Amino acid sequence: MSTDGTRDRERTRQAVLDAAERLLAERGTRVSVAEIAADAGVSKSGLLHHFPSKDELLLAVAAHGLATFKDEVLRHVDLAENRPGKVLRAYVRTLCGGSQRAMEVFSPTAHWTGLMAVPGVEAVVAADAEDWRAVFARDGLPEDRTLVVRHAAEGLAAAVAMPPYLDARELTVTRDALLALAEPA
């Protein structure tokens, strides 16, 4: 197969995943395969060629979302920070203003709740959680501090969706405090 055919398949697959993610955020898991196909600009049979069932599509959306989030965090790692905690600091930067997409993952309106009922998603999420535990364990900071900073950053990302409770100045102040806590003692 030519590389153009491979690129076309990858573009179609990505268009379907993007459409599914967007529609899941709007309508939840009630969205139909036909609606996702139409939004992606492909036929329903074309979508089913890439994802043989709605559950397989939703599982792929979950896996893709988790992988995209991890990629976002890794892009925020500052390689000049040659000291423990650089991944944790990247996690904070990503969730606290460095990536709108990453912040949306932790929004109270995110589509994760509905996806957790899809067969296979719970296992994918559990594997992702274990992978993050391993990444943070290798990052070199004490576990208690890592847990507090990590989950506080996730909470801030969720709070951004509720502007009266967290404004831009407060986000900056809190992000800076978390970054300071993510430094070696």
C-alpha atoms as a PDB file:
ATOM      1  CA  MET A   1       0.000   0.000   0.000  1.00  0.00           C
ATOM      2  CA  SER A   2       1.205   3.490  -0.770  1.00  0.00           C
ATOM      3  CA  THR A   3       2.054   5.966   1.923  1.00  0.00           C
ATOM      4  CA  ASP A   4      -0.782   8.166   0.593  1.00  0.00           C
ATOM      5  CA  GLY A   5      -3.259   5.369   1.349  1.00  0.00           C
ATOM      6  CA  THR A   6      -1.825   4.979   4.829  1.00  0.00           C
ATOM      7  CA  ARG A   7      -2.013   8.740   5.413  1.00  0.00           C
ATOM      8  CA  ASP A   8      -5.619   8.800   4.181  1.00  0.00           C
ATOM      9  CA  ARG A   9      -6.521   5.996   6.614  1.00  0.00           C
ATOM     10  CA  GLU A  10      -4.789   7.811   9.464  1.00  0.00           C
ATOM     11  CA  ARG A  11      -6.522  11.101   8.591  1.00  0.00           C
ATOM     12  CA  THR A  12      -9.907   9.374   8.423  1.00  0.00           C
ATOM     13  CA  ARG A  13      -9.321   7.570  11.702  1.00  0.00           C
ATOM     14  CA  GLN A  14      -8.259  10.840  13.352  1.00  0.00           C
ATOM     15  CA  ALA A  15     -11.281  12.695  11.928  1.00  0.00           C
ATOM     16  CA  VAL A  16     -13.583  10.008  13.352  1.00  0.00           C
ATOM     17  CA  LEU A  17     -11.890  10.132  16.774  1.00  0.00           C
ATOM     18  CA  ASP A  18     -12.072  13.936  16.844  1.00  0.00           C
ATOM     19  CA  ALA A  19     -15.747  13.919  15.857  1.00  0.00           C
ATOM     20  CA  ALA A  20     -16.562  11.225  18.403  1.00  0.00           C
ATOM     21  CA  GLU A  21     -14.795  13.105  21.175  1.00  0.00           C
ATOM     22  CA  ARG A  22     -16.521  16.371  20.289  1.00  0.00           C
ATOM     23  CA  LEU A  23     -19.982  14.791  20.085  1.00  0.00           C
ATOM     24  CA  LEU A  24     -19.443  12.771  23.259  1.00  0.00           C
ATOM     25  CA  ALA A  25     -18.673  16.011  25.089  1.00  0.00           C
ATOM     26  CA  GLU A  26     -21.885  17.543  23.721  1.00  0.00           C
ATOM     27  CA  ARG A  27     -24.318  14.615  23.898  1.00  0.00           C
ATOM     28  CA  GLY A  28     -22.755  11.855  25.935  1.00  0.00           C
ATOM     29  CA  THR A  29     -22.672   8.196  24.930  1.00  0.00           C
ATOM     30  CA  ARG A  30     -26.172   8.435  23.430  1.00  0.00           C
ATOM     31  CA  VAL A  31     -24.604   9.853  20.264  1.00  0.00           C
ATOM     32  CA  SER A  32     -25.042   7.491  17.323  1.00  0.00           C
ATOM     33  CA  VAL A  33     -22.405   6.075  15.009  1.00  0.00           C
ATOM     34  CA  ALA A  34     -24.251   7.708  12.096  1.00  0.00           C
ATOM     35  CA  GLU A  35     -24.012  11.142  13.779  1.00  0.00           C
ATOM     36  CA  ILE A  36     -20.291  10.659  14.415  1.00  0.00           C
ATOM     37  CA  ALA A  37     -19.716   9.551  10.817  1.00  0.00           C
ATOM     38  CA  ALA A  38     -21.596  12.573   9.456  1.00  0.00           C
ATOM     39  CA  ASP A  39     -19.661  14.951  11.704  1.00  0.00           C
ATOM     40  CA  ALA A  40     -16.369  13.354  10.608  1.00  0.00           C
ATOM     41  CA  GLY A  41     -17.332  13.625   6.944  1.00  0.00           C
ATOM     42  CA  VAL A  42     -17.258   9.874   6.315  1.00  0.00           C
ATOM     43  CA  SER A  43     -19.919   7.302   5.576  1.00  0.00           C
ATOM     44  CA  LYS A  44     -21.207   5.094   8.356  1.00  0.00           C
ATOM     45  CA  SER A  45     -19.682   2.088   6.585  1.00  0.00           C
ATOM     46  CA  GLY A  46     -16.378   3.989   6.348  1.00  0.00           C
ATOM     47  CA  LEU A  47     -16.461   4.608  10.085  1.00  0.00           C
ATOM     48  CA  LEU A  48     -17.292   0.960  10.746  1.00  0.00           C
ATOM     49  CA  HIS A  49     -14.336  -0.066   8.585  1.00  0.00           C
ATOM     50  CA  HIS A  50     -12.048   1.621  11.132  1.00  0.00           C
ATOM     51  CA  PHE A  51     -14.123   0.835  14.228  1.00  0.00           C
ATOM     52  CA  PRO A  52     -16.309  -2.281  13.794  1.00  0.00           C
ATOM     53  CA  SER A  53     -18.648  -1.329  16.657  1.00  0.00           C
ATOM     54  CA  LYS A  54     -19.661   1.692  18.675  1.00  0.00           C
ATOM     55  CA  ASP A  55     -18.013   0.172  21.753  1.00  0.00           C
ATOM     56  CA  GLU A  56     -14.723  -0.243  19.865  1.00  0.00           C
ATOM     57  CA  LEU A  57     -14.953   3.375  18.742  1.00  0.00           C
ATOM     58  CA  LEU A  58     -15.614   4.591  22.278  1.00  0.00           C
ATOM     59  CA  LEU A  59     -12.762   2.449  23.608  1.00  0.00           C
ATOM     60  CA  ALA A  60     -10.480   4.013  20.980  1.00  0.00           C
ATOM     61  CA  VAL A  61     -11.672   7.503  22.000  1.00  0.00           C
ATOM     62  CA  ALA A  62     -10.776   6.760  25.618  1.00  0.00           C
ATOM     63  CA  ALA A  63      -7.348   5.347  24.737  1.00  0.00           C
ATOM     64  CA  HIS A  64      -6.643   8.234  22.363  1.00  0.00           C
ATOM     65  CA  GLY A  65      -7.671  10.821  24.971  1.00  0.00           C
ATOM     66  CA  LEU A  66      -5.381   9.312  27.587  1.00  0.00           C
ATOM     67  CA  ALA A  67      -2.463   9.088  25.152  1.00  0.00           C
ATOM     68  CA  THR A  68      -3.020  12.670  23.987  1.00  0.00           C
ATOM     69  CA  PHE A  69      -3.027  13.901  27.569  1.00  0.00           C
ATOM     70  CA  LYS A  70       0.230  12.083  28.316  1.00  0.00           C
ATOM     71  CA  ASP A  71       1.797  13.571  25.176  1.00  0.00           C
ATOM     72  CA  GLU A  72       0.687  17.050  26.306  1.00  0.00           C
ATOM     73  CA  VAL A  73       2.348  16.569  29.686  1.00  0.00           C
ATOM     74  CA  LEU A  74       5.573  15.290  28.144  1.00  0.00           C
ATOM     75  CA  ARG A  75       5.689  18.319  25.815  1.00  0.00           C
ATOM     76  CA  HIS A  76       5.652  20.522  28.923  1.00  0.00           C
ATOM     77  CA  VAL A  77       8.683  18.798  30.497  1.00  0.00           C
ATOM     78  CA  ASP A  78      11.515  21.303  30.695  1.00  0.00           C
ATOM     79  CA  LEU A  79      14.655  19.298  29.957  1.00  0.00           C
ATOM     80  CA  ALA A  80      16.750  22.099  31.454  1.00  0.00           C
ATOM     81  CA  GLU A  81      15.231  21.231  34.850  1.00  0.00           C
ATOM     82  CA  ASN A  82      17.780  18.610  35.744  1.00  0.00           C
ATOM     83  CA  ARG A  83      16.355  17.877  39.199  1.00  0.00           C
ATOM     84  CA  PRO A  84      13.643  15.686  40.712  1.00  0.00           C
ATOM     85  CA  GLY A  85      10.037  16.590  39.987  1.00  0.00           C
ATOM     86  CA  LYS A  86      10.332  17.723  36.379  1.00  0.00           C
ATOM     87  CA  VAL A  87       7.447  15.505  35.213  1.00  0.00           C
ATOM     88  CA  LEU A  88       5.273  16.642  38.115  1.00  0.00           C
ATOM     89  CA  ARG A  89       6.025  20.277  37.266  1.00  0.00           C
ATOM     90  CA  ALA A  90       5.123  19.554  33.634  1.00  0.00           C
ATOM     91  CA  TYR A  91       1.865  17.976  34.838  1.00  0.00           C
ATOM     92  CA  VAL A  92       1.057  21.141  36.796  1.00  0.00           C
ATOM     93  CA  ARG A  93       1.958  23.404  33.865  1.00  0.00           C
ATOM     94  CA  THR A  94      -0.158  21.314  31.511  1.00  0.00           C
ATOM     95  CA  LEU A  95      -3.240  21.260  33.708  1.00  0.00           C
ATOM     96  CA  CYS A  96      -3.014  24.798  35.022  1.00  0.00           C
ATOM     97  CA  GLY A  97      -3.026  26.792  31.834  1.00  0.00           C
ATOM     98  CA  GLY A  98      -0.511  25.174  29.538  1.00  0.00           C
ATOM     99  CA  SER A  99      -3.038  23.134  27.585  1.00  0.00           C
ATOM    100  CA  GLN A 100      -6.697  23.934  27.092  1.00  0.00           C
ATOM    101  CA  ARG A 101      -7.295  20.392  25.826  1.00  0.00           C
ATOM    102  CA  ALA A 102      -5.727  18.833  28.908  1.00  0.00           C
ATOM    103  CA  MET A 103      -7.736  21.090  31.191  1.00  0.00           C
ATOM    104  CA  GLU A 104     -10.910  19.978  29.399  1.00  0.00           C
ATOM    105  CA  VAL A 105     -10.141  16.340  30.265  1.00  0.00           C
ATOM    106  CA  PHE A 106     -10.624  17.192  33.942  1.00  0.00           C
ATOM    107  CA  SER A 107     -13.661  19.388  33.392  1.00  0.00           C
ATOM    108  CA  PRO A 108     -16.791  18.315  35.291  1.00  0.00           C
ATOM    109  CA  THR A 109     -18.522  18.170  31.912  1.00  0.00           C
ATOM    110  CA  ALA A 110     -15.973  15.772  30.393  1.00  0.00           C
ATOM    111  CA  HIS A 111     -17.339  12.618  28.785  1.00  0.00           C
ATOM    112  CA  TRP A 112     -15.346  10.170  30.937  1.00  0.00           C
ATOM    113  CA  THR A 113     -18.228   9.217  33.204  1.00  0.00           C
ATOM    114  CA  GLY A 114     -20.240   7.756  30.332  1.00  0.00           C
ATOM    115  CA  LEU A 115     -17.212   6.125  28.769  1.00  0.00           C
ATOM    116  CA  MET A 116     -16.423   4.174  31.934  1.00  0.00           C
ATOM    117  CA  ALA A 117     -19.448   1.953  31.217  1.00  0.00           C
ATOM    118  CA  VAL A 118     -18.036   0.897  27.831  1.00  0.00           C
ATOM    119  CA  PRO A 119     -16.494  -2.595  27.918  1.00  0.00           C
ATOM    120  CA  GLY A 120     -12.711  -2.363  28.093  1.00  0.00           C
ATOM    121  CA  VAL A 121     -12.472   1.317  29.075  1.00  0.00           C
ATOM    122  CA  GLU A 122     -12.074   0.612  32.776  1.00  0.00           C
ATOM    123  CA  ALA A 123      -9.050  -1.600  32.028  1.00  0.00           C
ATOM    124  CA  VAL A 124      -7.505   1.059  29.755  1.00  0.00           C
ATOM    125  CA  VAL A 125      -7.977   3.726  32.439  1.00  0.00           C
ATOM    126  CA  ALA A 126      -6.589   1.410  35.143  1.00  0.00           C
ATOM    127  CA  ALA A 127      -3.482   0.723  33.029  1.00  0.00           C
ATOM    128  CA  ASP A 128      -3.047   4.460  32.435  1.00  0.00           C
ATOM    129  CA  ALA A 129      -3.324   5.143  36.182  1.00  0.00           C
ATOM    130  CA  GLU A 130      -0.664   2.529  36.924  1.00  0.00           C
ATOM    131  CA  ASP A 131       1.585   3.999  34.250  1.00  0.00           C
ATOM    132  CA  TRP A 132       1.268   7.478  35.812  1.00  0.00           C
ATOM    133  CA  ARG A 133       2.078   6.006  39.248  1.00  0.00           C
ATOM    134  CA  ALA A 134       5.254   4.515  37.795  1.00  0.00           C
ATOM    135  CA  VAL A 135       6.184   7.758  36.007  1.00  0.00           C
ATOM    136  CA  PHE A 136       5.760   9.797  39.181  1.00  0.00           C
ATOM    137  CA  ALA A 137       7.600   7.215  41.288  1.00  0.00           C
ATOM    138  CA  ARG A 138      10.622   7.626  38.960  1.00  0.00           C
ATOM    139  CA  ASP A 139      10.314  11.420  39.073  1.00  0.00           C
ATOM    140  CA  GLY A 140      12.204  11.562  42.355  1.00  0.00           C
ATOM    141  CA  LEU A 141       9.920  13.427  44.762  1.00  0.00           C
ATOM    142  CA  PRO A 142       8.301  11.952  47.878  1.00  0.00           C
ATOM    143  CA  GLU A 143       5.032  10.159  47.150  1.00  0.00           C
ATOM    144  CA  ASP A 144       2.946  12.240  49.578  1.00  0.00           C
ATOM    145  CA  ARG A 145       4.002  15.534  48.009  1.00  0.00           C
ATOM    146  CA  THR A 146       3.546  14.158  44.497  1.00  0.00           C
ATOM    147  CA  LEU A 147       0.013  12.985  45.288  1.00  0.00           C
ATOM    148  CA  VAL A 148      -1.012  16.312  46.821  1.00  0.00           C
ATOM    149  CA  VAL A 149       0.412  18.389  43.962  1.00  0.00           C
ATOM    150  CA  ARG A 150      -0.876  16.068  41.238  1.00  0.00           C
ATOM    151  CA  HIS A 151      -4.437  15.923  42.484  1.00  0.00           C
ATOM    152  CA  ALA A 152      -4.520  19.621  43.354  1.00  0.00           C
ATOM    153  CA  ALA A 153      -3.538  20.391  39.736  1.00  0.00           C
ATOM    154  CA  GLU A 154      -6.331  18.126  38.511  1.00  0.00           C
ATOM    155  CA  GLY A 155      -8.765  19.935  40.807  1.00  0.00           C
ATOM    156  CA  LEU A 156      -7.640  23.311  39.487  1.00  0.00           C
ATOM    157  CA  ALA A 157      -8.168  22.134  35.925  1.00  0.00           C
ATOM    158  CA  ALA A 158     -11.715  21.100  36.853  1.00  0.00           C
ATOM    159  CA  ALA A 159     -12.344  24.377  38.717  1.00  0.00           C
ATOM    160  CA  VAL A 160     -11.499  26.412  35.619  1.00  0.00           C
ATOM    161  CA  ALA A 161     -14.833  25.212  34.205  1.00  0.00           C
ATOM    162  CA  MET A 162     -16.577  27.099  37.040  1.00  0.00           C
ATOM    163  CA  PRO A 163     -15.231  30.665  36.587  1.00  0.00           C
ATOM    164  CA  PRO A 164     -16.908  32.351  39.529  1.00  0.00           C
ATOM    165  CA  TYR A 165     -14.923  30.114  41.876  1.00  0.00           C
ATOM    166  CA  LEU A 166     -11.513  30.447  40.265  1.00  0.00           C
ATOM    167  CA  ASP A 167     -10.377  33.453  38.298  1.00  0.00           C
ATOM    168  CA  ALA A 168      -7.216  33.809  36.198  1.00  0.00           C
ATOM    169  CA  ARG A 169      -5.246  35.497  38.983  1.00  0.00           C
ATOM    170  CA  GLU A 170      -6.143  32.766  41.482  1.00  0.00           C
ATOM    171  CA  LEU A 171      -5.190  30.087  38.962  1.00  0.00           C
ATOM    172  CA  THR A 172      -1.792  31.716  38.484  1.00  0.00           C
ATOM    173  CA  VAL A 173      -1.201  32.085  42.234  1.00  0.00           C
ATOM    174  CA  THR A 174      -2.193  28.473  42.889  1.00  0.00           C
ATOM    175  CA  ARG A 175      -0.215  27.107  39.919  1.00  0.00           C
ATOM    176  CA  ASP A 176       2.890  28.907  41.157  1.00  0.00           C
ATOM    177  CA  ALA A 177       2.383  27.468  44.648  1.00  0.00           C
ATOM    178  CA  LEU A 178       2.039  23.956  43.226  1.00  0.00           C
ATOM    179  CA  LEU A 179       5.151  24.405  41.104  1.00  0.00           C
ATOM    180  CA  ALA A 180       7.052  25.449  44.240  1.00  0.00           C
ATOM    181  CA  LEU A 181       5.786  22.345  46.054  1.00  0.00           C
ATOM    182  CA  ALA A 182       6.981  20.236  43.111  1.00  0.00           C
ATOM    183  CA  GLU A 183      10.584  21.280  43.748  1.00  0.00           C
ATOM    184  CA  PRO A 184      12.970  19.098  45.734  1.00  0.00           C
ATOM    185  CA  ALA A 185      13.175  20.071  49.406  1.00  0.00           C
END
